[in-house]
């Protein structure tokens, strides 16, 4: 699996959708993006490569939902990105950094 060098998002009508595109410093790869679907309004608005959060050697992705005070962490693995969040971090006063 090529490490996710960037993440881009798109919003869905009632919930949210994040599309994680794969690539490298030379550009985007030919592989189809992984779609992460969230049931929370605003999911997919803030998406970022998180580095290797869990120390397994693969890049992980975080999807933030500031209005809900949540951040979802998705684990990377050999050849794929999990489509179910491994961790959901919650804080009632998670700042909106925009």
PDB file of N, CA and C in Angstrom:
ATOM      1  N   UNK A   1       0.842  -1.179   0.000  1.00  0.00           N
ATOM      2  CA  UNK A   1       0.000   0.000   0.000  1.00  0.00           C
ATOM      3  C   UNK A   1       0.876   1.226   0.000  1.00  0.00           C
ATOM      4  N   UNK A   2       0.593   2.132  -0.898  1.00  0.00           N
ATOM      5  CA  UNK A   2       1.286   3.403  -0.856  1.00  0.00           C
ATOM      6  C   UNK A   2       0.749   4.197   0.300  1.00  0.00           C
ATOM      7  N   UNK A   3       1.590   4.903   0.969  1.00  0.00           N
ATOM      8  CA  UNK A   3       1.143   5.694   2.108  1.00  0.00           C
ATOM      9  C   UNK A   3       0.312   6.881   1.620  1.00  0.00           C
ATOM     10  N   UNK A   4      -0.752   7.170   2.324  1.00  0.00           N
ATOM     11  CA  UNK A   4      -1.610   8.297   1.969  1.00  0.00           C
ATOM     12  C   UNK A   4      -0.843   9.579   2.233  1.00  0.00           C
ATOM     13  N   UNK A   5      -0.563  10.313   1.177  1.00  0.00           N
ATOM     14  CA  UNK A   5       0.178  11.549   1.350  1.00  0.00           C
ATOM     15  C   UNK A   5      -0.752  12.740   1.492  1.00  0.00           C
ATOM     16  N   UNK A   6      -1.995  12.550   1.118  1.00  0.00           N
ATOM     17  CA  UNK A   6      -2.959  13.627   1.297  1.00  0.00           C
ATOM     18  C   UNK A   6      -4.343  13.016   1.413  1.00  0.00           C
ATOM     19  N   UNK A   7      -5.227  13.789   1.966  1.00  0.00           N
ATOM     20  CA  UNK A   7      -6.603  13.336   2.090  1.00  0.00           C
ATOM     21  C   UNK A   7      -7.506  14.468   1.647  1.00  0.00           C
ATOM     22  N   UNK A   8      -8.533  14.138   0.924  1.00  0.00           N
ATOM     23  CA  UNK A   8      -9.471  15.144   0.448  1.00  0.00           C
ATOM     24  C   UNK A   8     -10.866  14.717   0.857  1.00  0.00           C
ATOM     25  N   UNK A   9     -11.732  15.665   1.034  1.00  0.00           N
ATOM     26  CA  UNK A   9     -13.062  15.305   1.511  1.00  0.00           C
ATOM     27  C   UNK A   9     -14.160  15.837   0.609  1.00  0.00           C
ATOM     28  N   UNK A  10     -15.326  15.227   0.742  1.00  0.00           N
ATOM     29  CA  UNK A  10     -16.532  15.683   0.074  1.00  0.00           C
ATOM     30  C   UNK A  10     -17.674  15.459   1.050  1.00  0.00           C
ATOM     31  N   UNK A  11     -18.683  16.290   1.002  1.00  0.00           N
ATOM     32  CA  UNK A  11     -19.776  16.135   1.962  1.00  0.00           C
ATOM     33  C   UNK A  11     -20.962  15.417   1.337  1.00  0.00           C
ATOM     34  N   UNK A  12     -21.685  14.707   2.152  1.00  0.00           N
ATOM     35  CA  UNK A  12     -22.913  14.039   1.737  1.00  0.00           C
ATOM     36  C   UNK A  12     -24.076  14.832   2.318  1.00  0.00           C
ATOM     37  N   UNK A  13     -25.278  14.584   1.830  1.00  0.00           N
ATOM     38  CA  UNK A  13     -26.428  15.392   2.221  1.00  0.00           C
ATOM     39  C   UNK A  13     -26.767  15.309   3.702  1.00  0.00           C
ATOM     40  N   UNK A  14     -27.003  14.115   4.235  1.00  0.00           N
ATOM     41  CA  UNK A  14     -27.455  14.014   5.617  1.00  0.00           C
ATOM     42  C   UNK A  14     -26.347  13.678   6.600  1.00  0.00           C
ATOM     43  N   UNK A  15     -25.312  13.063   6.145  1.00  0.00           N
ATOM     44  CA  UNK A  15     -24.215  12.701   7.047  1.00  0.00           C
ATOM     45  C   UNK A  15     -22.926  13.230   6.453  1.00  0.00           C
ATOM     46  N   UNK A  16     -21.987  12.354   6.185  1.00  0.00           N
ATOM     47  CA  UNK A  16     -20.745  12.817   5.602  1.00  0.00           C
ATOM     48  C   UNK A  16     -19.985  11.708   4.925  1.00  0.00           C
ATOM     49  N   UNK A  17     -19.084  12.132   4.061  1.00  0.00           N
ATOM     50  CA  UNK A  17     -18.269  11.215   3.293  1.00  0.00           C
ATOM     51  C   UNK A  17     -16.876  11.800   3.168  1.00  0.00           C
ATOM     52  N   UNK A  18     -15.878  10.993   3.406  1.00  0.00           N
ATOM     53  CA  UNK A  18     -14.488  11.405   3.196  1.00  0.00           C
ATOM     54  C   UNK A  18     -13.882  10.442   2.195  1.00  0.00           C
ATOM     55  N   UNK A  19     -13.248  10.975   1.177  1.00  0.00           N
ATOM     56  CA  UNK A  19     -12.549  10.149   0.193  1.00  0.00           C
ATOM     57  C   UNK A  19     -11.057  10.325   0.421  1.00  0.00           C
ATOM     58  N   UNK A  20     -10.368   9.237   0.711  1.00  0.00           N
ATOM     59  CA  UNK A  20      -8.931   9.283   0.944  1.00  0.00           C
ATOM     60  C   UNK A  20      -8.245   8.834  -0.342  1.00  0.00           C
ATOM     61  N   UNK A  21      -7.472   9.746  -0.920  1.00  0.00           N
ATOM     62  CA  UNK A  21      -6.756   9.475  -2.167  1.00  0.00           C
ATOM     63  C   UNK A  21      -5.332   9.053  -1.851  1.00  0.00           C
ATOM     64  N   UNK A  22      -4.811   8.113  -2.631  1.00  0.00           N
ATOM     65  CA  UNK A  22      -3.478   7.579  -2.401  1.00  0.00           C
ATOM     66  C   UNK A  22      -2.491   8.174  -3.399  1.00  0.00           C
ATOM     67  N   UNK A  23      -1.281   8.402  -2.929  1.00  0.00           N
ATOM     68  CA  UNK A  23      -0.268   8.934  -3.812  1.00  0.00           C
ATOM     69  C   UNK A  23       1.076   9.033  -3.126  1.00  0.00           C
ATOM     70  N   UNK A  24       1.925   9.818  -3.718  1.00  0.00           N
ATOM     71  CA  UNK A  24       3.273  10.018  -3.192  1.00  0.00           C
ATOM     72  C   UNK A  24       3.700  11.443  -3.509  1.00  0.00           C
ATOM     73  N   UNK A  25       4.953  11.748  -3.285  1.00  0.00           N
ATOM     74  CA  UNK A  25       5.442  13.098  -3.578  1.00  0.00           C
ATOM     75  C   UNK A  25       5.388  13.413  -5.066  1.00  0.00           C
ATOM     76  N   UNK A  26       5.273  12.385  -5.908  1.00  0.00           N
ATOM     77  CA  UNK A  26       5.203  12.622  -7.358  1.00  0.00           C
ATOM     78  C   UNK A  26       3.767  12.777  -7.861  1.00  0.00           C
ATOM     79  N   UNK A  27       2.774  12.642  -6.994  1.00  0.00           N
ATOM     80  CA  UNK A  27       1.387  12.855  -7.405  1.00  0.00           C
ATOM     81  C   UNK A  27       0.457  11.751  -6.942  1.00  0.00           C
ATOM     82  N   UNK A  28      -0.798  11.852  -7.385  1.00  0.00           N
ATOM     83  CA  UNK A  28      -1.802  10.857  -7.016  1.00  0.00           C
ATOM     84  C   UNK A  28      -1.589   9.572  -7.798  1.00  0.00           C
ATOM     85  N   UNK A  29      -1.880   8.454  -7.162  1.00  0.00           N
ATOM     86  CA  UNK A  29      -1.763   7.156  -7.814  1.00  0.00           C
ATOM     87  C   UNK A  29      -3.021   6.817  -8.587  1.00  0.00           C
ATOM     88  N   UNK A  30      -3.002   5.684  -9.280  1.00  0.00           N
ATOM     89  CA  UNK A  30      -4.141   5.253 -10.090  1.00  0.00           C
ATOM     90  C   UNK A  30      -5.199   4.532  -9.260  1.00  0.00           C
ATOM     91  N   UNK A  31      -4.863   4.169  -8.031  1.00  0.00           N
ATOM     92  CA  UNK A  31      -5.777   3.424  -7.168  1.00  0.00           C
ATOM     93  C   UNK A  31      -7.008   4.262  -6.812  1.00  0.00           C
ATOM     94  N   UNK A  32      -8.155   3.599  -6.785  1.00  0.00           N
ATOM     95  CA  UNK A  32      -9.404   4.283  -6.415  1.00  0.00           C
ATOM     96  C   UNK A  32      -9.334   4.726  -4.953  1.00  0.00           C
ATOM     97  N   UNK A  33      -9.937   5.870  -4.637  1.00  0.00           N
ATOM     98  CA  UNK A  33      -9.926   6.333  -3.246  1.00  0.00           C
ATOM     99  C   UNK A  33     -10.740   5.420  -2.337  1.00  0.00           C
ATOM    100  N   UNK A  34     -10.384   5.422  -1.057  1.00  0.00           N
ATOM    101  CA  UNK A  34     -11.163   4.715  -0.050  1.00  0.00           C
ATOM    102  C   UNK A  34     -12.210   5.683   0.468  1.00  0.00           C
ATOM    103  N   UNK A  35     -13.451   5.233   0.552  1.00  0.00           N
ATOM    104  CA  UNK A  35     -14.526   6.086   1.043  1.00  0.00           C
ATOM    105  C   UNK A  35     -14.847   5.741   2.490  1.00  0.00           C
ATOM    106  N   UNK A  36     -14.830   6.760   3.329  1.00  0.00           N
ATOM    107  CA  UNK A  36     -15.179   6.631   4.741  1.00  0.00           C
ATOM    108  C   UNK A  36     -16.498   7.349   4.943  1.00  0.00           C
ATOM    109  N   UNK A  37     -17.493   6.658   5.458  1.00  0.00           N
ATOM    110  CA  UNK A  37     -18.829   7.225   5.626  1.00  0.00           C
ATOM    111  C   UNK A  37     -19.105   7.410   7.110  1.00  0.00           C
ATOM    112  N   UNK A  38     -19.601   8.584   7.469  1.00  0.00           N
ATOM    113  CA  UNK A  38     -19.948   8.867   8.851  1.00  0.00           C
ATOM    114  C   UNK A  38     -21.401   9.250   8.979  1.00  0.00           C
ATOM    115  N   UNK A  39     -22.024   8.891  10.087  1.00  0.00           N
ATOM    116  CA  UNK A  39     -23.433   9.182  10.322  1.00  0.00           C
ATOM    117  C   UNK A  39     -23.637  10.535  10.994  1.00  0.00           C
ATOM    118  N   UNK A  40     -22.543  11.255  11.244  1.00  0.00           N
ATOM    119  CA  UNK A  40     -22.624  12.535  11.940  1.00  0.00           C
ATOM    120  C   UNK A  40     -22.554  13.667  10.920  1.00  0.00           C
ATOM    121  N   UNK A  41     -23.439  14.626  11.043  1.00  0.00           N
ATOM    122  CA  UNK A  41     -23.409  15.779  10.154  1.00  0.00           C
ATOM    123  C   UNK A  41     -22.051  16.480  10.276  1.00  0.00           C
ATOM    124  N   UNK A  42     -21.434  16.768   9.152  1.00  0.00           N
ATOM    125  CA  UNK A  42     -20.127  17.410   9.147  1.00  0.00           C
ATOM    126  C   UNK A  42     -18.968  16.438   9.014  1.00  0.00           C
ATOM    127  N   UNK A  43     -19.248  15.135   9.063  1.00  0.00           N
ATOM    128  CA  UNK A  43     -18.198  14.135   8.890  1.00  0.00           C
ATOM    129  C   UNK A  43     -17.593  14.311   7.500  1.00  0.00           C
ATOM    130  N   UNK A  44     -16.273  14.348   7.424  1.00  0.00           N
ATOM    131  CA  UNK A  44     -15.596  14.513   6.145  1.00  0.00           C
ATOM    132  C   UNK A  44     -15.158  15.930   5.867  1.00  0.00           C
ATOM    133  N   UNK A  45     -15.569  16.861   6.699  1.00  0.00           N
ATOM    134  CA  UNK A  45     -15.188  18.257   6.499  1.00  0.00           C
ATOM    135  C   UNK A  45     -13.702  18.471   6.759  1.00  0.00           C
ATOM    136  N   UNK A  46     -13.167  17.824   7.784  1.00  0.00           N
ATOM    137  CA  UNK A  46     -11.756  17.931   8.143  1.00  0.00           C
ATOM    138  C   UNK A  46     -11.130  16.539   8.102  1.00  0.00           C
ATOM    139  N   UNK A  47     -10.197  16.334   7.174  1.00  0.00           N
ATOM    140  CA  UNK A  47      -9.543  15.047   6.993  1.00  0.00           C
ATOM    141  C   UNK A  47      -8.044  15.280   6.883  1.00  0.00           C
ATOM    142  N   UNK A  48      -7.244  14.408   7.523  1.00  0.00           N
ATOM    143  CA  UNK A  48      -5.785  14.570   7.441  1.00  0.00           C
ATOM    144  C   UNK A  48      -5.074  13.239   7.618  1.00  0.00           C
ATOM    145  N   UNK A  49      -3.916  13.146   6.971  1.00  0.00           N
ATOM    146  CA  UNK A  49      -3.019  12.025   7.249  1.00  0.00           C
ATOM    147  C   UNK A  49      -2.516  12.244   8.670  1.00  0.00           C
ATOM    148  N   UNK A  50      -2.557  11.211   9.485  1.00  0.00           N
ATOM    149  CA  UNK A  50      -2.227  11.360  10.905  1.00  0.00           C
ATOM    150  C   UNK A  50      -0.861  10.785  11.263  1.00  0.00           C
ATOM    151  N   UNK A  51      -0.141  10.254  10.275  1.00  0.00           N
ATOM    152  CA  UNK A  51       1.100   9.566  10.595  1.00  0.00           C
ATOM    153  C   UNK A  51       0.771   8.181  11.114  1.00  0.00           C
ATOM    154  N   UNK A  52       1.747   7.541  11.712  1.00  0.00           N
ATOM    155  CA  UNK A  52       1.558   6.191  12.239  1.00  0.00           C
ATOM    156  C   UNK A  52       1.141   6.274  13.709  1.00  0.00           C
ATOM    157  N   UNK A  53      -0.128   6.503  13.954  1.00  0.00           N
ATOM    158  CA  UNK A  53      -0.653   6.727  15.308  1.00  0.00           C
ATOM    159  C   UNK A  53      -0.462   5.512  16.214  1.00  0.00           C
ATOM    160  N   UNK A  54      -0.691   4.325  15.684  1.00  0.00           N
ATOM    161  CA  UNK A  54      -0.662   3.122  16.519  1.00  0.00           C
ATOM    162  C   UNK A  54       0.664   2.354  16.477  1.00  0.00           C
ATOM    163  N   UNK A  55       1.653   2.858  15.760  1.00  0.00           N
ATOM    164  CA  UNK A  55       2.978   2.249  15.748  1.00  0.00           C
ATOM    165  C   UNK A  55       3.096   0.936  14.993  1.00  0.00           C
ATOM    166  N   UNK A  56       2.169   0.672  14.048  1.00  0.00           N
ATOM    167  CA  UNK A  56       2.231  -0.585  13.302  1.00  0.00           C
ATOM    168  C   UNK A  56       2.985  -0.476  11.976  1.00  0.00           C
ATOM    169  N   UNK A  57       3.507   0.716  11.664  1.00  0.00           N
ATOM    170  CA  UNK A  57       4.271   0.906  10.433  1.00  0.00           C
ATOM    171  C   UNK A  57       3.457   1.400   9.254  1.00  0.00           C
ATOM    172  N   UNK A  58       2.158   1.651   9.441  1.00  0.00           N
ATOM    173  CA  UNK A  58       1.297   2.133   8.368  1.00  0.00           C
ATOM    174  C   UNK A  58       0.684   3.473   8.758  1.00  0.00           C
ATOM    175  N   UNK A  59       0.502   4.327   7.757  1.00  0.00           N
ATOM    176  CA  UNK A  59      -0.102   5.634   7.981  1.00  0.00           C
ATOM    177  C   UNK A  59      -1.574   5.486   8.343  1.00  0.00           C
ATOM    178  N   UNK A  60      -2.017   6.297   9.281  1.00  0.00           N
ATOM    179  CA  UNK A  60      -3.410   6.319   9.708  1.00  0.00           C
ATOM    180  C   UNK A  60      -4.032   7.637   9.274  1.00  0.00           C
ATOM    181  N   UNK A  61      -5.348   7.703   9.301  1.00  0.00           N
ATOM    182  CA  UNK A  61      -6.081   8.896   8.866  1.00  0.00           C
ATOM    183  C   UNK A  61      -7.020   9.326   9.985  1.00  0.00           C
ATOM    184  N   UNK A  62      -7.136  10.638  10.172  1.00  0.00           N
ATOM    185  CA  UNK A  62      -8.076  11.163  11.165  1.00  0.00           C
ATOM    186  C   UNK A  62      -9.111  12.027  10.442  1.00  0.00           C
ATOM    187  N   UNK A  63     -10.374  11.845  10.847  1.00  0.00           N
ATOM    188  CA  UNK A  63     -11.487  12.646  10.333  1.00  0.00           C
ATOM    189  C   UNK A  63     -12.072  13.392  11.517  1.00  0.00           C
ATOM    190  N   UNK A  64     -11.997  14.708  11.475  1.00  0.00           N
ATOM    191  CA  UNK A  64     -12.510  15.521  12.567  1.00  0.00           C
ATOM    192  C   UNK A  64     -13.891  16.060  12.272  1.00  0.00           C
ATOM    193  N   UNK A  65     -14.705  16.122  13.314  1.00  0.00           N
ATOM    194  CA  UNK A  65     -16.043  16.714  13.232  1.00  0.00           C
ATOM    195  C   UNK A  65     -16.140  17.707  14.384  1.00  0.00           C
ATOM    196  N   UNK A  66     -15.551  18.901  14.220  1.00  0.00           N
ATOM    197  CA  UNK A  66     -15.499  19.868  15.321  1.00  0.00           C
ATOM    198  C   UNK A  66     -16.862  20.221  15.917  1.00  0.00           C
ATOM    199  N   UNK A  67     -17.883  20.361  15.072  1.00  0.00           N
ATOM    200  CA  UNK A  67     -19.204  20.737  15.582  1.00  0.00           C
ATOM    201  C   UNK A  67     -19.775  19.683  16.523  1.00  0.00           C
ATOM    202  N   UNK A  68     -19.366  18.423  16.337  1.00  0.00           N
ATOM    203  CA  UNK A  68     -19.829  17.331  17.200  1.00  0.00           C
ATOM    204  C   UNK A  68     -18.833  17.031  18.311  1.00  0.00           C
ATOM    205  N   UNK A  69     -17.672  17.700  18.287  1.00  0.00           N
ATOM    206  CA  UNK A  69     -16.652  17.454  19.301  1.00  0.00           C
ATOM    207  C   UNK A  69     -16.015  16.084  19.183  1.00  0.00           C
ATOM    208  N   UNK A  70     -15.872  15.600  17.956  1.00  0.00           N
ATOM    209  CA  UNK A  70     -15.344  14.251  17.742  1.00  0.00           C
ATOM    210  C   UNK A  70     -14.229  14.225  16.702  1.00  0.00           C
ATOM    211  N   UNK A  71     -13.337  13.255  16.862  1.00  0.00           N
ATOM    212  CA  UNK A  71     -12.315  12.940  15.866  1.00  0.00           C
ATOM    213  C   UNK A  71     -12.288  11.419  15.723  1.00  0.00           C
ATOM    214  N   UNK A  72     -12.331  10.946  14.493  1.00  0.00           N
ATOM    215  CA  UNK A  72     -12.346   9.520  14.190  1.00  0.00           C
ATOM    216  C   UNK A  72     -10.997   9.123  13.616  1.00  0.00           C
ATOM    217  N   UNK A  73     -10.381   8.067  14.165  1.00  0.00           N
ATOM    218  CA  UNK A  73      -9.088   7.598  13.683  1.00  0.00           C
ATOM    219  C   UNK A  73      -9.289   6.276  12.943  1.00  0.00           C
ATOM    220  N   UNK A  74      -8.825   6.243  11.687  1.00  0.00           N
ATOM    221  CA  UNK A  74      -8.917   5.057  10.840  1.00  0.00           C
ATOM    222  C   UNK A  74      -7.517   4.498  10.641  1.00  0.00           C
ATOM    223  N   UNK A  75      -7.348   3.211  10.902  1.00  0.00           N
ATOM    224  CA  UNK A  75      -6.035   2.570  10.836  1.00  0.00           C
ATOM    225  C   UNK A  75      -5.672   2.148   9.418  1.00  0.00           C
ATOM    226  N   UNK A  76      -4.424   2.430   9.057  1.00  0.00           N
ATOM    227  CA  UNK A  76      -3.884   1.933   7.810  1.00  0.00           C
ATOM    228  C   UNK A  76      -3.337   0.531   8.038  1.00  0.00           C
ATOM    229  N   UNK A  77      -3.259  -0.257   6.981  1.00  0.00           N
ATOM    230  CA  UNK A  77      -2.719  -1.613   7.049  1.00  0.00           C
ATOM    231  C   UNK A  77      -2.126  -1.950   5.686  1.00  0.00           C
ATOM    232  N   UNK A  78      -1.543  -3.112   5.546  1.00  0.00           N
ATOM    233  CA  UNK A  78      -0.951  -3.532   4.280  1.00  0.00           C
ATOM    234  C   UNK A  78      -2.021  -3.569   3.188  1.00  0.00           C
ATOM    235  N   UNK A  79      -1.880  -2.707   2.201  1.00  0.00           N
ATOM    236  CA  UNK A  79      -2.777  -2.711   1.051  1.00  0.00           C
ATOM    237  C   UNK A  79      -4.140  -2.100   1.244  1.00  0.00           C
ATOM    238  N   UNK A  80      -4.414  -1.506   2.414  1.00  0.00           N
ATOM    239  CA  UNK A  80      -5.771  -0.961   2.603  1.00  0.00           C
ATOM    240  C   UNK A  80      -5.817   0.037   3.753  1.00  0.00           C
ATOM    241  N   UNK A  81      -6.940   0.688   3.853  1.00  0.00           N
ATOM    242  CA  UNK A  81      -7.263   1.565   4.972  1.00  0.00           C
ATOM    243  C   UNK A  81      -8.574   1.057   5.546  1.00  0.00           C
ATOM    244  N   UNK A  82      -8.627   0.876   6.853  1.00  0.00           N
ATOM    245  CA  UNK A  82      -9.868   0.409   7.491  1.00  0.00           C
ATOM    246  C   UNK A  82     -10.988   1.408   7.214  1.00  0.00           C
ATOM    247  N   UNK A  83     -12.189   0.918   7.020  1.00  0.00           N
ATOM    248  CA  UNK A  83     -13.326   1.802   6.778  1.00  0.00           C
ATOM    249  C   UNK A  83     -14.202   1.972   8.017  1.00  0.00           C
ATOM    250  N   UNK A  84     -13.808   1.340   9.107  1.00  0.00           N
ATOM    251  CA  UNK A  84     -14.455   1.519  10.410  1.00  0.00           C
ATOM    252  C   UNK A  84     -13.438   2.165  11.335  1.00  0.00           C
ATOM    253  N   UNK A  85     -13.845   3.195  12.036  1.00  0.00           N
ATOM    254  CA  UNK A  85     -12.922   3.902  12.934  1.00  0.00           C
ATOM    255  C   UNK A  85     -12.443   2.986  14.055  1.00  0.00           C
ATOM    256  N   UNK A  86     -11.131   3.034  14.308  1.00  0.00           N
ATOM    257  CA  UNK A  86     -10.548   2.266  15.413  1.00  0.00           C
ATOM    258  C   UNK A  86     -10.798   2.969  16.736  1.00  0.00           C
ATOM    259  N   UNK A  87     -10.788   4.300  16.697  1.00  0.00           N
ATOM    260  CA  UNK A  87     -11.011   5.114  17.883  1.00  0.00           C
ATOM    261  C   UNK A  87     -11.880   6.302  17.520  1.00  0.00           C
ATOM    262  N   UNK A  88     -12.730   6.679  18.462  1.00  0.00           N
ATOM    263  CA  UNK A  88     -13.496   7.923  18.352  1.00  0.00           C
ATOM    264  C   UNK A  88     -13.142   8.736  19.584  1.00  0.00           C
ATOM    265  N   UNK A  89     -12.499   9.856  19.356  1.00  0.00           N
ATOM    266  CA  UNK A  89     -12.120  10.741  20.456  1.00  0.00           C
ATOM    267  C   UNK A  89     -13.195  11.802  20.595  1.00  0.00           C
ATOM    268  N   UNK A  90     -13.659  12.012  21.815  1.00  0.00           N
ATOM    269  CA  UNK A  90     -14.720  12.990  22.043  1.00  0.00           C
ATOM    270  C   UNK A  90     -14.295  14.023  23.072  1.00  0.00           C
ATOM    271  N   UNK A  91     -14.669  15.240  22.809  1.00  0.00           N
ATOM    272  CA  UNK A  91     -14.427  16.337  23.741  1.00  0.00           C
ATOM    273  C   UNK A  91     -15.517  17.375  23.498  1.00  0.00           C
ATOM    274  N   UNK A  92     -16.225  17.795  24.529  1.00  0.00           N
ATOM    275  CA  UNK A  92     -17.338  18.721  24.325  1.00  0.00           C
ATOM    276  C   UNK A  92     -16.905  20.089  23.807  1.00  0.00           C
ATOM    277  N   UNK A  93     -15.638  20.429  23.962  1.00  0.00           N
ATOM    278  CA  UNK A  93     -15.184  21.743  23.520  1.00  0.00           C
ATOM    279  C   UNK A  93     -14.022  21.636  22.541  1.00  0.00           C
ATOM    280  N   UNK A  94     -14.101  20.625  21.659  1.00  0.00           N
ATOM    281  CA  UNK A  94     -13.090  20.459  20.631  1.00  0.00           C
ATOM    282  C   UNK A  94     -13.127  21.690  19.730  1.00  0.00           C
ATOM    283  N   UNK A  95     -12.017  22.406  19.602  1.00  0.00           N
ATOM    284  CA  UNK A  95     -12.059  23.668  18.853  1.00  0.00           C
ATOM    285  C   UNK A  95     -12.197  23.476  17.356  1.00  0.00           C
ATOM    286  N   UNK A  96     -12.878  24.410  16.736  1.00  0.00           N
ATOM    287  CA  UNK A  96     -12.962  24.471  15.287  1.00  0.00           C
ATOM    288  C   UNK A  96     -11.804  25.361  14.856  1.00  0.00           C
ATOM    289  N   UNK A  97     -10.824  24.773  14.227  1.00  0.00           N
ATOM    290  CA  UNK A  97      -9.582  25.484  13.922  1.00  0.00           C
ATOM    291  C   UNK A  97      -9.608  26.236  12.590  1.00  0.00           C
ATOM    292  N   UNK A  98     -10.742  26.384  11.991  1.00  0.00           N
ATOM    293  CA  UNK A  98     -10.812  27.118  10.711  1.00  0.00           C
ATOM    294  C   UNK A  98     -11.012  28.577  10.945  1.00  0.00           C
TER     295      UNK A  98
END
